[in-house]
Amino acid sequence: MTHWVCCTPAPEADVFAAYLRSRHGLAPDALERLSTNCGNNVTYLLRLMGERGWPADRLILAQDATMQRRMHAIMRKEAPCAEVAIFATYAVRVVPRPDGGRPAAPSGLDDALAFAEEPLGMWDVERYVALLLGEIPRLRDDEGGYGPRGRGFLAHVDVPDEVLAAWGRLRAAFPDLVRPANPAFAAPRGAR
């Protein structure tokens, strides 16, 4: 088994390319190294494809399960005529911890919950839940969300009422886990 240790900051594209080379002997045809957020993952990719003359009418979007809906909504906004197949790169279930034996994280969440089957390299439960909790405000199509009636970063997403209710309960129980957008990763002016 290969373990990846990164000593210097590198774009995700370079990390994935190194993995493909090392593990599977493959090399990507092109790498997009500039993006710092989900929106630019899409816009810079579409720009790169355009520069190379590659069609963007049929795409497969393989994405981390925590951000899959957002990436798809961004793609629908930026390439509305494209046929997009979405593929979660992994699936996990979070369950009550049967042993309760881990030391508690500051929120206590890692002490109460666990992954049913933990994928290799997965974040701890607290970080995973924080990622999920941060997605709901971004997906909303209101003044604070990323939808057309908010920041306009993505196409409209219907968030089911039961998801909003579950998000509200978790937010009330773990208010410090709702991850705000980090301005350090905002797109440069004119990049979108």
N, C-alpha and C. Protein backbone atom coordinates (compact mmCIF):
# COMPACT_ATOMS: atom_id res chain seq x y z
N MET A 1 0.84 -1.18 0.00
CA MET A 1 0.00 0.00 0.00
C MET A 1 0.88 1.24 0.00
N THR A 2 0.52 2.21 -0.81
CA THR A 2 1.26 3.46 -0.89
C THR A 2 0.66 4.47 0.06
N HIS A 3 1.49 5.14 0.83
CA HIS A 3 1.03 6.23 1.69
C HIS A 3 1.58 7.53 1.13
N TRP A 4 0.72 8.52 1.01
CA TRP A 4 1.13 9.80 0.45
C TRP A 4 1.41 10.78 1.56
N VAL A 5 2.59 11.35 1.54
CA VAL A 5 2.96 12.38 2.48
C VAL A 5 3.41 13.58 1.66
N CYS A 6 2.80 14.70 1.91
CA CYS A 6 3.12 15.88 1.12
C CYS A 6 3.92 16.86 1.98
N CYS A 7 5.08 17.18 1.51
CA CYS A 7 5.94 18.09 2.27
C CYS A 7 5.81 19.53 1.80
N THR A 8 5.43 19.74 0.56
CA THR A 8 5.30 21.08 0.01
C THR A 8 3.91 21.24 -0.56
N PRO A 9 3.39 22.47 -0.53
CA PRO A 9 2.06 22.66 -1.11
C PRO A 9 2.11 22.38 -2.62
N ALA A 10 1.10 21.69 -3.10
CA ALA A 10 1.01 21.39 -4.53
C ALA A 10 -0.44 21.46 -4.93
N PRO A 11 -0.73 21.88 -6.14
CA PRO A 11 -2.12 21.84 -6.59
C PRO A 11 -2.65 20.41 -6.54
N GLU A 12 -3.95 20.27 -6.25
CA GLU A 12 -4.55 18.95 -6.21
C GLU A 12 -4.30 18.19 -7.50
N ALA A 13 -4.33 18.90 -8.62
CA ALA A 13 -4.12 18.24 -9.91
C ALA A 13 -2.78 17.51 -9.94
N ASP A 14 -1.74 18.12 -9.38
CA ASP A 14 -0.42 17.48 -9.36
C ASP A 14 -0.41 16.27 -8.43
N VAL A 15 -1.12 16.36 -7.32
CA VAL A 15 -1.20 15.23 -6.39
C VAL A 15 -1.90 14.05 -7.08
N PHE A 16 -3.02 14.33 -7.74
CA PHE A 16 -3.74 13.27 -8.45
C PHE A 16 -2.90 12.70 -9.59
N ALA A 17 -2.19 13.55 -10.31
CA ALA A 17 -1.34 13.08 -11.41
C ALA A 17 -0.24 12.17 -10.88
N ALA A 18 0.36 12.55 -9.76
CA ALA A 18 1.41 11.71 -9.16
C ALA A 18 0.85 10.36 -8.73
N TYR A 19 -0.34 10.37 -8.18
CA TYR A 19 -1.00 9.11 -7.79
C TYR A 19 -1.25 8.24 -9.02
N LEU A 20 -1.81 8.82 -10.07
CA LEU A 20 -2.10 8.05 -11.28
C LEU A 20 -0.82 7.43 -11.87
N ARG A 21 0.26 8.22 -11.87
CA ARG A 21 1.54 7.72 -12.39
C ARG A 21 2.07 6.58 -11.52
N SER A 22 2.10 6.82 -10.22
CA SER A 22 2.69 5.87 -9.30
C SER A 22 1.87 4.59 -9.19
N ARG A 23 0.60 4.73 -9.07
CA ARG A 23 -0.26 3.58 -8.78
C ARG A 23 -0.72 2.83 -10.04
N HIS A 24 -0.94 3.58 -11.13
CA HIS A 24 -1.55 2.95 -12.30
C HIS A 24 -0.74 3.14 -13.59
N GLY A 25 0.39 3.86 -13.53
CA GLY A 25 1.20 4.07 -14.71
C GLY A 25 0.53 4.94 -15.77
N LEU A 26 -0.39 5.79 -15.35
CA LEU A 26 -1.13 6.65 -16.27
C LEU A 26 -0.68 8.10 -16.14
N ALA A 27 -0.87 8.85 -17.21
CA ALA A 27 -0.56 10.28 -17.19
C ALA A 27 -1.76 11.03 -17.76
N PRO A 28 -2.20 12.10 -17.09
CA PRO A 28 -3.32 12.87 -17.62
C PRO A 28 -2.92 13.61 -18.90
N ASP A 29 -3.90 13.87 -19.75
CA ASP A 29 -3.66 14.62 -20.98
C ASP A 29 -3.44 16.10 -20.70
N ALA A 30 -4.03 16.61 -19.63
CA ALA A 30 -3.88 18.02 -19.25
C ALA A 30 -4.19 18.16 -17.77
N LEU A 31 -3.61 19.18 -17.16
CA LEU A 31 -3.88 19.47 -15.75
C LEU A 31 -4.30 20.92 -15.61
N GLU A 32 -5.33 21.16 -14.81
CA GLU A 32 -5.75 22.51 -14.48
C GLU A 32 -5.23 22.78 -13.07
N ARG A 33 -4.31 23.69 -12.93
CA ARG A 33 -3.60 23.91 -11.67
C ARG A 33 -3.98 25.20 -10.95
N LEU A 34 -4.86 26.01 -11.50
CA LEU A 34 -5.10 27.34 -10.94
C LEU A 34 -6.25 27.42 -9.95
N SER A 35 -7.21 26.52 -10.03
CA SER A 35 -8.42 26.68 -9.23
C SER A 35 -8.15 26.52 -7.74
N THR A 36 -8.91 27.29 -6.96
CA THR A 36 -8.81 27.23 -5.50
C THR A 36 -10.18 26.99 -4.87
N ASN A 37 -11.21 26.81 -5.69
CA ASN A 37 -12.55 26.58 -5.17
C ASN A 37 -13.36 25.79 -6.18
N CYS A 38 -14.52 25.30 -5.77
CA CYS A 38 -15.36 24.47 -6.64
C CYS A 38 -15.73 25.19 -7.93
N GLY A 39 -16.10 26.46 -7.82
CA GLY A 39 -16.51 27.20 -9.01
C GLY A 39 -15.41 27.25 -10.04
N ASN A 40 -14.19 27.53 -9.59
CA ASN A 40 -13.09 27.61 -10.53
C ASN A 40 -12.63 26.24 -10.99
N ASN A 41 -12.90 25.19 -10.23
CA ASN A 41 -12.64 23.85 -10.75
C ASN A 41 -13.37 23.69 -12.07
N VAL A 42 -14.59 24.19 -12.13
CA VAL A 42 -15.41 24.07 -13.34
C VAL A 42 -15.00 25.11 -14.38
N THR A 43 -14.96 26.40 -14.01
CA THR A 43 -14.72 27.43 -15.01
C THR A 43 -13.33 27.31 -15.63
N TYR A 44 -12.32 27.02 -14.82
CA TYR A 44 -10.98 26.87 -15.38
C TYR A 44 -10.87 25.60 -16.22
N LEU A 45 -11.56 24.54 -15.81
CA LEU A 45 -11.57 23.32 -16.62
C LEU A 45 -12.19 23.59 -17.99
N LEU A 46 -13.34 24.27 -18.00
CA LEU A 46 -13.99 24.57 -19.27
C LEU A 46 -13.12 25.47 -20.14
N ARG A 47 -12.42 26.41 -19.52
CA ARG A 47 -11.49 27.27 -20.27
C ARG A 47 -10.36 26.43 -20.88
N LEU A 48 -9.76 25.54 -20.08
CA LEU A 48 -8.68 24.68 -20.56
C LEU A 48 -9.16 23.81 -21.72
N MET A 49 -10.35 23.25 -21.58
CA MET A 49 -10.89 22.41 -22.65
C MET A 49 -11.10 23.23 -23.92
N GLY A 50 -11.61 24.45 -23.76
CA GLY A 50 -11.80 25.33 -24.91
C GLY A 50 -10.49 25.67 -25.59
N GLU A 51 -9.46 25.97 -24.79
CA GLU A 51 -8.14 26.29 -25.36
C GLU A 51 -7.57 25.12 -26.16
N ARG A 52 -7.89 23.91 -25.74
CA ARG A 52 -7.38 22.72 -26.43
C ARG A 52 -8.30 22.25 -27.55
N GLY A 53 -9.45 22.91 -27.69
CA GLY A 53 -10.39 22.51 -28.73
C GLY A 53 -11.14 21.24 -28.40
N TRP A 54 -11.21 20.89 -27.12
CA TRP A 54 -11.91 19.68 -26.71
C TRP A 54 -13.38 20.02 -26.48
N PRO A 55 -14.29 19.20 -26.96
CA PRO A 55 -15.71 19.48 -26.74
C PRO A 55 -16.08 19.30 -25.26
N ALA A 56 -17.02 20.11 -24.82
CA ALA A 56 -17.48 20.03 -23.43
C ALA A 56 -18.98 19.75 -23.41
N ASP A 57 -19.45 18.97 -24.38
CA ASP A 57 -20.88 18.72 -24.46
C ASP A 57 -21.30 17.46 -23.71
N ARG A 58 -20.36 16.56 -23.44
CA ARG A 58 -20.63 15.35 -22.66
C ARG A 58 -19.47 15.17 -21.67
N LEU A 59 -19.81 15.21 -20.39
CA LEU A 59 -18.78 15.19 -19.36
C LEU A 59 -19.12 14.19 -18.27
N ILE A 60 -18.10 13.64 -17.65
CA ILE A 60 -18.26 12.84 -16.45
C ILE A 60 -17.65 13.65 -15.32
N LEU A 61 -18.42 13.91 -14.30
CA LEU A 61 -17.96 14.69 -13.16
C LEU A 61 -17.79 13.74 -11.97
N ALA A 62 -16.55 13.40 -11.66
CA ALA A 62 -16.23 12.55 -10.52
C ALA A 62 -15.82 13.48 -9.39
N GLN A 63 -16.52 13.43 -8.28
CA GLN A 63 -16.31 14.40 -7.21
C GLN A 63 -16.51 13.76 -5.85
N ASP A 64 -15.81 14.28 -4.89
CA ASP A 64 -16.01 13.95 -3.49
C ASP A 64 -17.51 14.05 -3.17
N ALA A 65 -18.05 13.09 -2.47
CA ALA A 65 -19.49 13.05 -2.20
C ALA A 65 -19.99 14.29 -1.45
N THR A 66 -19.14 14.92 -0.64
CA THR A 66 -19.59 16.08 0.13
C THR A 66 -19.88 17.28 -0.74
N MET A 67 -19.26 17.38 -1.91
CA MET A 67 -19.43 18.56 -2.76
C MET A 67 -20.05 18.23 -4.11
N GLN A 68 -20.54 17.03 -4.28
CA GLN A 68 -21.03 16.58 -5.58
C GLN A 68 -22.20 17.41 -6.10
N ARG A 69 -23.19 17.70 -5.26
CA ARG A 69 -24.33 18.50 -5.72
C ARG A 69 -23.90 19.90 -6.12
N ARG A 70 -23.02 20.49 -5.35
CA ARG A 70 -22.57 21.84 -5.67
C ARG A 70 -21.80 21.86 -6.99
N MET A 71 -20.90 20.92 -7.18
CA MET A 71 -20.14 20.88 -8.43
C MET A 71 -21.08 20.68 -9.62
N HIS A 72 -22.08 19.83 -9.46
CA HIS A 72 -23.02 19.60 -10.56
C HIS A 72 -23.82 20.87 -10.83
N ALA A 73 -24.23 21.58 -9.80
CA ALA A 73 -24.99 22.83 -9.99
C ALA A 73 -24.13 23.90 -10.65
N ILE A 74 -22.85 23.93 -10.34
CA ILE A 74 -21.94 24.89 -10.99
C ILE A 74 -21.80 24.51 -12.46
N MET A 75 -21.65 23.23 -12.74
CA MET A 75 -21.53 22.79 -14.13
C MET A 75 -22.81 23.12 -14.90
N ARG A 76 -23.98 22.93 -14.28
CA ARG A 76 -25.24 23.26 -14.96
C ARG A 76 -25.32 24.75 -15.27
N LYS A 77 -24.76 25.59 -14.41
CA LYS A 77 -24.75 27.04 -14.66
C LYS A 77 -23.76 27.39 -15.77
N GLU A 78 -22.57 26.85 -15.70
CA GLU A 78 -21.49 27.23 -16.62
C GLU A 78 -21.57 26.54 -17.98
N ALA A 79 -22.15 25.35 -18.03
CA ALA A 79 -22.28 24.60 -19.29
C ALA A 79 -23.68 23.99 -19.34
N PRO A 80 -24.71 24.84 -19.43
CA PRO A 80 -26.09 24.35 -19.30
C PRO A 80 -26.51 23.35 -20.38
N CYS A 81 -25.87 23.34 -21.52
CA CYS A 81 -26.25 22.42 -22.59
C CYS A 81 -25.49 21.09 -22.53
N ALA A 82 -24.51 20.99 -21.66
CA ALA A 82 -23.70 19.77 -21.56
C ALA A 82 -24.50 18.66 -20.90
N GLU A 83 -24.28 17.45 -21.39
CA GLU A 83 -24.79 16.27 -20.72
C GLU A 83 -23.74 15.88 -19.68
N VAL A 84 -24.14 15.85 -18.42
CA VAL A 84 -23.18 15.61 -17.34
C VAL A 84 -23.61 14.39 -16.55
N ALA A 85 -22.74 13.40 -16.51
CA ALA A 85 -22.94 12.24 -15.65
C ALA A 85 -22.15 12.50 -14.37
N ILE A 86 -22.80 12.37 -13.22
CA ILE A 86 -22.10 12.61 -11.96
C ILE A 86 -21.78 11.27 -11.30
N PHE A 87 -20.64 11.25 -10.65
CA PHE A 87 -20.14 10.02 -10.04
C PHE A 87 -19.47 10.37 -8.73
N ALA A 88 -20.00 9.85 -7.63
CA ALA A 88 -19.36 10.05 -6.33
C ALA A 88 -18.15 9.13 -6.23
N THR A 89 -17.03 9.68 -5.84
CA THR A 89 -15.80 8.90 -5.78
C THR A 89 -15.76 7.95 -4.59
N TYR A 90 -16.68 8.12 -3.65
CA TYR A 90 -16.81 7.21 -2.52
C TYR A 90 -18.17 7.46 -1.89
N ALA A 91 -18.59 6.54 -1.05
CA ALA A 91 -19.83 6.71 -0.28
C ALA A 91 -19.55 6.24 1.14
N VAL A 92 -20.00 6.99 2.10
CA VAL A 92 -19.84 6.60 3.50
C VAL A 92 -21.16 6.75 4.23
N ARG A 93 -21.28 6.00 5.29
CA ARG A 93 -22.41 6.17 6.20
C ARG A 93 -21.84 6.50 7.56
N VAL A 94 -22.45 7.47 8.22
CA VAL A 94 -22.07 7.83 9.58
C VAL A 94 -23.08 7.18 10.51
N VAL A 95 -22.59 6.47 11.52
CA VAL A 95 -23.45 5.71 12.43
C VAL A 95 -23.06 6.03 13.88
N PRO A 96 -23.95 5.76 14.83
CA PRO A 96 -23.55 5.93 16.23
C PRO A 96 -22.36 5.03 16.55
N ARG A 97 -21.41 5.56 17.30
CA ARG A 97 -20.21 4.79 17.65
C ARG A 97 -20.60 3.69 18.64
N PRO A 98 -20.31 2.43 18.29
CA PRO A 98 -20.72 1.34 19.17
C PRO A 98 -19.91 1.28 20.46
N ASP A 99 -18.62 1.68 20.40
CA ASP A 99 -17.77 1.53 21.58
C ASP A 99 -17.65 2.80 22.40
N GLY A 100 -17.84 3.95 21.77
CA GLY A 100 -17.71 5.22 22.49
C GLY A 100 -16.33 5.42 23.08
N GLY A 101 -15.33 4.64 22.63
CA GLY A 101 -14.04 4.64 23.29
C GLY A 101 -13.01 5.62 22.78
N ARG A 102 -13.29 6.37 21.74
CA ARG A 102 -12.30 7.34 21.25
C ARG A 102 -12.30 8.58 22.10
N PRO A 103 -11.16 9.23 22.21
CA PRO A 103 -11.15 10.51 22.91
C PRO A 103 -12.04 11.51 22.17
N ALA A 104 -12.75 12.30 22.91
CA ALA A 104 -13.69 13.24 22.32
C ALA A 104 -12.97 14.38 21.62
N ALA A 105 -13.48 14.73 20.44
CA ALA A 105 -13.02 15.94 19.75
C ALA A 105 -13.62 17.12 20.50
N PRO A 106 -13.18 18.34 20.24
CA PRO A 106 -13.74 19.48 20.95
C PRO A 106 -15.26 19.54 20.91
N SER A 107 -15.88 19.12 19.82
CA SER A 107 -17.34 19.15 19.73
C SER A 107 -17.96 17.93 20.40
N GLY A 108 -17.18 16.87 20.63
CA GLY A 108 -17.72 15.62 21.16
C GLY A 108 -18.27 14.72 20.07
N LEU A 109 -18.27 15.18 18.84
CA LEU A 109 -18.88 14.43 17.75
C LEU A 109 -18.12 13.15 17.44
N ASP A 110 -16.80 13.20 17.42
CA ASP A 110 -16.02 11.99 17.12
C ASP A 110 -16.22 10.92 18.18
N ASP A 111 -16.60 11.31 19.38
CA ASP A 111 -16.85 10.36 20.44
C ASP A 111 -18.20 9.68 20.26
N ALA A 112 -19.13 10.33 19.57
CA ALA A 112 -20.48 9.81 19.43
C ALA A 112 -20.73 9.10 18.11
N LEU A 113 -20.02 9.48 17.07
CA LEU A 113 -20.29 8.95 15.73
C LEU A 113 -19.04 8.33 15.12
N ALA A 114 -19.27 7.44 14.16
CA ALA A 114 -18.17 6.79 13.44
C ALA A 114 -18.62 6.50 12.02
N PHE A 115 -17.68 6.22 11.16
CA PHE A 115 -18.01 5.75 9.81
C PHE A 115 -18.34 4.27 9.90
N ALA A 116 -19.39 3.84 9.19
CA ALA A 116 -19.72 2.42 9.17
C ALA A 116 -18.55 1.63 8.59
N GLU A 117 -17.98 2.12 7.49
CA GLU A 117 -16.77 1.57 6.90
C GLU A 117 -15.94 2.76 6.45
N GLU A 118 -14.81 3.00 7.09
CA GLU A 118 -14.02 4.19 6.81
C GLU A 118 -13.15 4.01 5.58
N PRO A 119 -13.36 4.86 4.57
CA PRO A 119 -12.50 4.79 3.38
C PRO A 119 -11.08 5.23 3.73
N LEU A 120 -10.12 4.68 3.00
CA LEU A 120 -8.72 5.04 3.19
C LEU A 120 -8.53 6.53 2.97
N GLY A 121 -7.89 7.19 3.91
CA GLY A 121 -7.58 8.60 3.76
C GLY A 121 -8.72 9.54 4.10
N MET A 122 -9.80 9.04 4.67
CA MET A 122 -10.96 9.87 4.98
C MET A 122 -10.66 10.79 6.16
N TRP A 123 -11.31 11.96 6.15
CA TRP A 123 -11.23 12.87 7.28
C TRP A 123 -11.84 12.20 8.50
N ASP A 124 -11.62 12.79 9.67
CA ASP A 124 -12.32 12.27 10.84
C ASP A 124 -13.80 12.68 10.73
N VAL A 125 -14.64 12.08 11.54
CA VAL A 125 -16.08 12.29 11.45
C VAL A 125 -16.42 13.77 11.64
N GLU A 126 -15.76 14.43 12.58
CA GLU A 126 -16.06 15.84 12.82
C GLU A 126 -15.81 16.69 11.58
N ARG A 127 -14.70 16.49 10.90
CA ARG A 127 -14.39 17.25 9.69
C ARG A 127 -15.39 16.92 8.57
N TYR A 128 -15.74 15.64 8.44
CA TYR A 128 -16.69 15.22 7.42
C TYR A 128 -18.06 15.88 7.66
N VAL A 129 -18.54 15.87 8.88
CA VAL A 129 -19.82 16.50 9.20
C VAL A 129 -19.74 18.01 8.98
N ALA A 130 -18.60 18.62 9.31
CA ALA A 130 -18.44 20.06 9.06
C ALA A 130 -18.52 20.36 7.57
N LEU A 131 -17.92 19.52 6.74
CA LEU A 131 -18.01 19.71 5.30
C LEU A 131 -19.46 19.62 4.84
N LEU A 132 -20.18 18.61 5.33
CA LEU A 132 -21.59 18.47 4.95
C LEU A 132 -22.43 19.64 5.43
N LEU A 133 -22.21 20.07 6.66
CA LEU A 133 -22.99 21.19 7.21
C LEU A 133 -22.70 22.48 6.45
N GLY A 134 -21.50 22.64 5.95
CA GLY A 134 -21.16 23.83 5.19
C GLY A 134 -21.77 23.85 3.81
N GLU A 135 -22.16 22.68 3.29
CA GLU A 135 -22.73 22.62 1.95
C GLU A 135 -24.16 23.17 1.89
N ILE A 136 -24.94 22.96 2.91
CA ILE A 136 -26.36 23.36 2.85
C ILE A 136 -26.50 24.87 2.66
N PRO A 137 -25.81 25.72 3.43
CA PRO A 137 -25.94 27.15 3.17
C PRO A 137 -25.47 27.54 1.76
N ARG A 138 -24.47 26.86 1.24
CA ARG A 138 -23.97 27.17 -0.09
C ARG A 138 -24.99 26.77 -1.17
N LEU A 139 -25.65 25.64 -0.99
CA LEU A 139 -26.62 25.15 -1.97
C LEU A 139 -27.92 25.96 -1.99
N ARG A 140 -28.20 26.67 -0.94
CA ARG A 140 -29.46 27.40 -0.86
C ARG A 140 -29.55 28.46 -1.95
N ASP A 141 -30.75 28.65 -2.43
CA ASP A 141 -31.00 29.69 -3.44
C ASP A 141 -31.71 30.85 -2.75
N ASP A 142 -31.00 31.50 -1.85
CA ASP A 142 -31.51 32.67 -1.14
C ASP A 142 -30.40 33.71 -1.07
N GLU A 143 -30.64 34.80 -0.39
CA GLU A 143 -29.67 35.90 -0.37
C GLU A 143 -28.30 35.50 0.19
N GLY A 144 -28.22 34.49 1.03
CA GLY A 144 -26.94 34.07 1.59
C GLY A 144 -26.31 32.90 0.85
N GLY A 145 -27.07 32.26 -0.03
CA GLY A 145 -26.58 31.06 -0.71
C GLY A 145 -25.83 31.37 -1.99
N TYR A 146 -25.42 30.32 -2.66
CA TYR A 146 -24.66 30.45 -3.89
C TYR A 146 -25.54 30.36 -5.13
N GLY A 147 -26.85 30.20 -4.94
CA GLY A 147 -27.78 30.07 -6.06
C GLY A 147 -28.02 31.40 -6.76
N PRO A 148 -28.88 31.38 -7.81
CA PRO A 148 -29.14 32.58 -8.61
C PRO A 148 -29.67 33.77 -7.80
N ARG A 149 -30.43 33.52 -6.72
CA ARG A 149 -30.97 34.62 -5.91
C ARG A 149 -29.98 35.08 -4.84
N GLY A 150 -28.81 34.47 -4.82
CA GLY A 150 -27.77 34.86 -3.88
C GLY A 150 -26.54 35.33 -4.61
N ARG A 151 -25.45 34.61 -4.47
CA ARG A 151 -24.19 35.01 -5.09
C ARG A 151 -24.11 34.67 -6.58
N GLY A 152 -25.03 33.82 -7.06
CA GLY A 152 -25.06 33.50 -8.48
C GLY A 152 -23.94 32.60 -8.95
N PHE A 153 -23.36 31.81 -8.06
CA PHE A 153 -22.25 30.93 -8.44
C PHE A 153 -22.72 29.64 -9.09
N LEU A 154 -23.98 29.24 -8.84
CA LEU A 154 -24.44 27.95 -9.32
C LEU A 154 -25.91 28.02 -9.72
N ALA A 155 -26.34 27.00 -10.46
CA ALA A 155 -27.74 26.89 -10.86
C ALA A 155 -28.58 26.54 -9.62
N HIS A 156 -29.88 26.75 -9.73
CA HIS A 156 -30.78 26.46 -8.62
C HIS A 156 -30.69 25.00 -8.19
N VAL A 157 -30.69 24.76 -6.89
CA VAL A 157 -30.71 23.42 -6.31
C VAL A 157 -31.89 23.35 -5.35
N ASP A 158 -32.74 22.35 -5.52
CA ASP A 158 -33.82 22.12 -4.56
C ASP A 158 -33.24 21.32 -3.40
N VAL A 159 -33.25 21.90 -2.22
CA VAL A 159 -32.80 21.19 -1.02
C VAL A 159 -34.06 20.68 -0.33
N PRO A 160 -34.25 19.36 -0.23
CA PRO A 160 -35.47 18.81 0.36
C PRO A 160 -35.69 19.30 1.80
N ASP A 161 -36.95 19.46 2.17
CA ASP A 161 -37.30 19.93 3.52
C ASP A 161 -36.70 19.05 4.61
N GLU A 162 -36.69 17.73 4.40
CA GLU A 162 -36.14 16.84 5.44
C GLU A 162 -34.64 17.03 5.61
N VAL A 163 -33.94 17.40 4.53
CA VAL A 163 -32.51 17.70 4.62
C VAL A 163 -32.31 19.00 5.39
N LEU A 164 -33.12 20.02 5.07
CA LEU A 164 -33.03 21.29 5.80
C LEU A 164 -33.33 21.09 7.28
N ALA A 165 -34.31 20.26 7.58
CA ALA A 165 -34.65 20.00 8.99
C ALA A 165 -33.50 19.29 9.71
N ALA A 166 -32.90 18.29 9.07
CA ALA A 166 -31.76 17.58 9.67
C ALA A 166 -30.59 18.54 9.84
N TRP A 167 -30.34 19.39 8.83
CA TRP A 167 -29.28 20.38 8.93
C TRP A 167 -29.52 21.31 10.12
N GLY A 168 -30.76 21.75 10.29
CA GLY A 168 -31.10 22.63 11.42
C GLY A 168 -30.83 21.97 12.76
N ARG A 169 -31.17 20.69 12.88
CA ARG A 169 -30.93 19.99 14.15
C ARG A 169 -29.43 19.86 14.42
N LEU A 170 -28.67 19.49 13.39
CA LEU A 170 -27.22 19.36 13.58
C LEU A 170 -26.57 20.71 13.86
N ARG A 171 -27.03 21.75 13.15
CA ARG A 171 -26.48 23.09 13.37
C ARG A 171 -26.75 23.55 14.80
N ALA A 172 -27.94 23.25 15.31
CA ALA A 172 -28.26 23.63 16.69
C ALA A 172 -27.40 22.86 17.69
N ALA A 173 -27.15 21.59 17.40
CA ALA A 173 -26.36 20.76 18.32
C ALA A 173 -24.87 21.06 18.21
N PHE A 174 -24.40 21.43 17.02
CA PHE A 174 -22.97 21.65 16.78
C PHE A 174 -22.76 22.94 16.01
N PRO A 175 -23.08 24.10 16.60
CA PRO A 175 -23.01 25.36 15.85
C PRO A 175 -21.62 25.71 15.33
N ASP A 176 -20.58 25.25 15.97
CA ASP A 176 -19.22 25.58 15.54
C ASP A 176 -18.77 24.76 14.33
N LEU A 177 -19.56 23.77 13.93
CA LEU A 177 -19.17 22.92 12.82
C LEU A 177 -19.68 23.41 11.46
N VAL A 178 -20.50 24.46 11.44
CA VAL A 178 -20.98 24.97 10.16
C VAL A 178 -19.85 25.80 9.58
N ARG A 179 -19.25 25.29 8.54
CA ARG A 179 -18.04 25.84 7.94
C ARG A 179 -18.36 27.03 7.05
N PRO A 180 -17.88 28.21 7.43
CA PRO A 180 -18.09 29.37 6.56
C PRO A 180 -17.13 29.33 5.37
N ALA A 181 -17.47 30.06 4.34
CA ALA A 181 -16.58 30.15 3.18
C ALA A 181 -15.28 30.82 3.61
N ASN A 182 -14.17 30.33 3.12
CA ASN A 182 -12.87 30.89 3.45
C ASN A 182 -12.50 31.90 2.36
N PRO A 183 -12.40 33.20 2.70
CA PRO A 183 -12.09 34.19 1.68
C PRO A 183 -10.74 33.98 1.00
N ALA A 184 -9.85 33.23 1.62
CA ALA A 184 -8.54 32.98 1.02
C ALA A 184 -8.67 32.17 -0.27
N PHE A 185 -9.79 31.46 -0.43
CA PHE A 185 -9.99 30.63 -1.61
C PHE A 185 -10.98 31.22 -2.59
N ALA A 186 -11.35 32.47 -2.39
CA ALA A 186 -12.27 33.13 -3.32
C ALA A 186 -11.58 33.31 -4.67
N ALA A 187 -12.39 33.29 -5.70
CA ALA A 187 -11.85 33.47 -7.05
C ALA A 187 -11.36 34.90 -7.22
N PRO A 188 -10.24 35.07 -7.91
CA PRO A 188 -9.79 36.45 -8.21
C PRO A 188 -10.84 37.16 -9.06
N ARG A 189 -10.91 38.46 -8.93
CA ARG A 189 -11.88 39.25 -9.72
C ARG A 189 -11.70 38.93 -11.20
N GLY A 190 -12.81 38.72 -11.88
CA GLY A 190 -12.79 38.44 -13.31
C GLY A 190 -12.48 36.99 -13.66
N ALA A 191 -12.23 36.13 -12.65
CA ALA A 191 -11.87 34.74 -12.93
C ALA A 191 -13.10 33.89 -13.25
N ARG A 192 -14.25 34.31 -12.82
CA ARG A 192 -15.45 33.50 -13.03
C ARG A 192 -16.12 33.87 -14.31
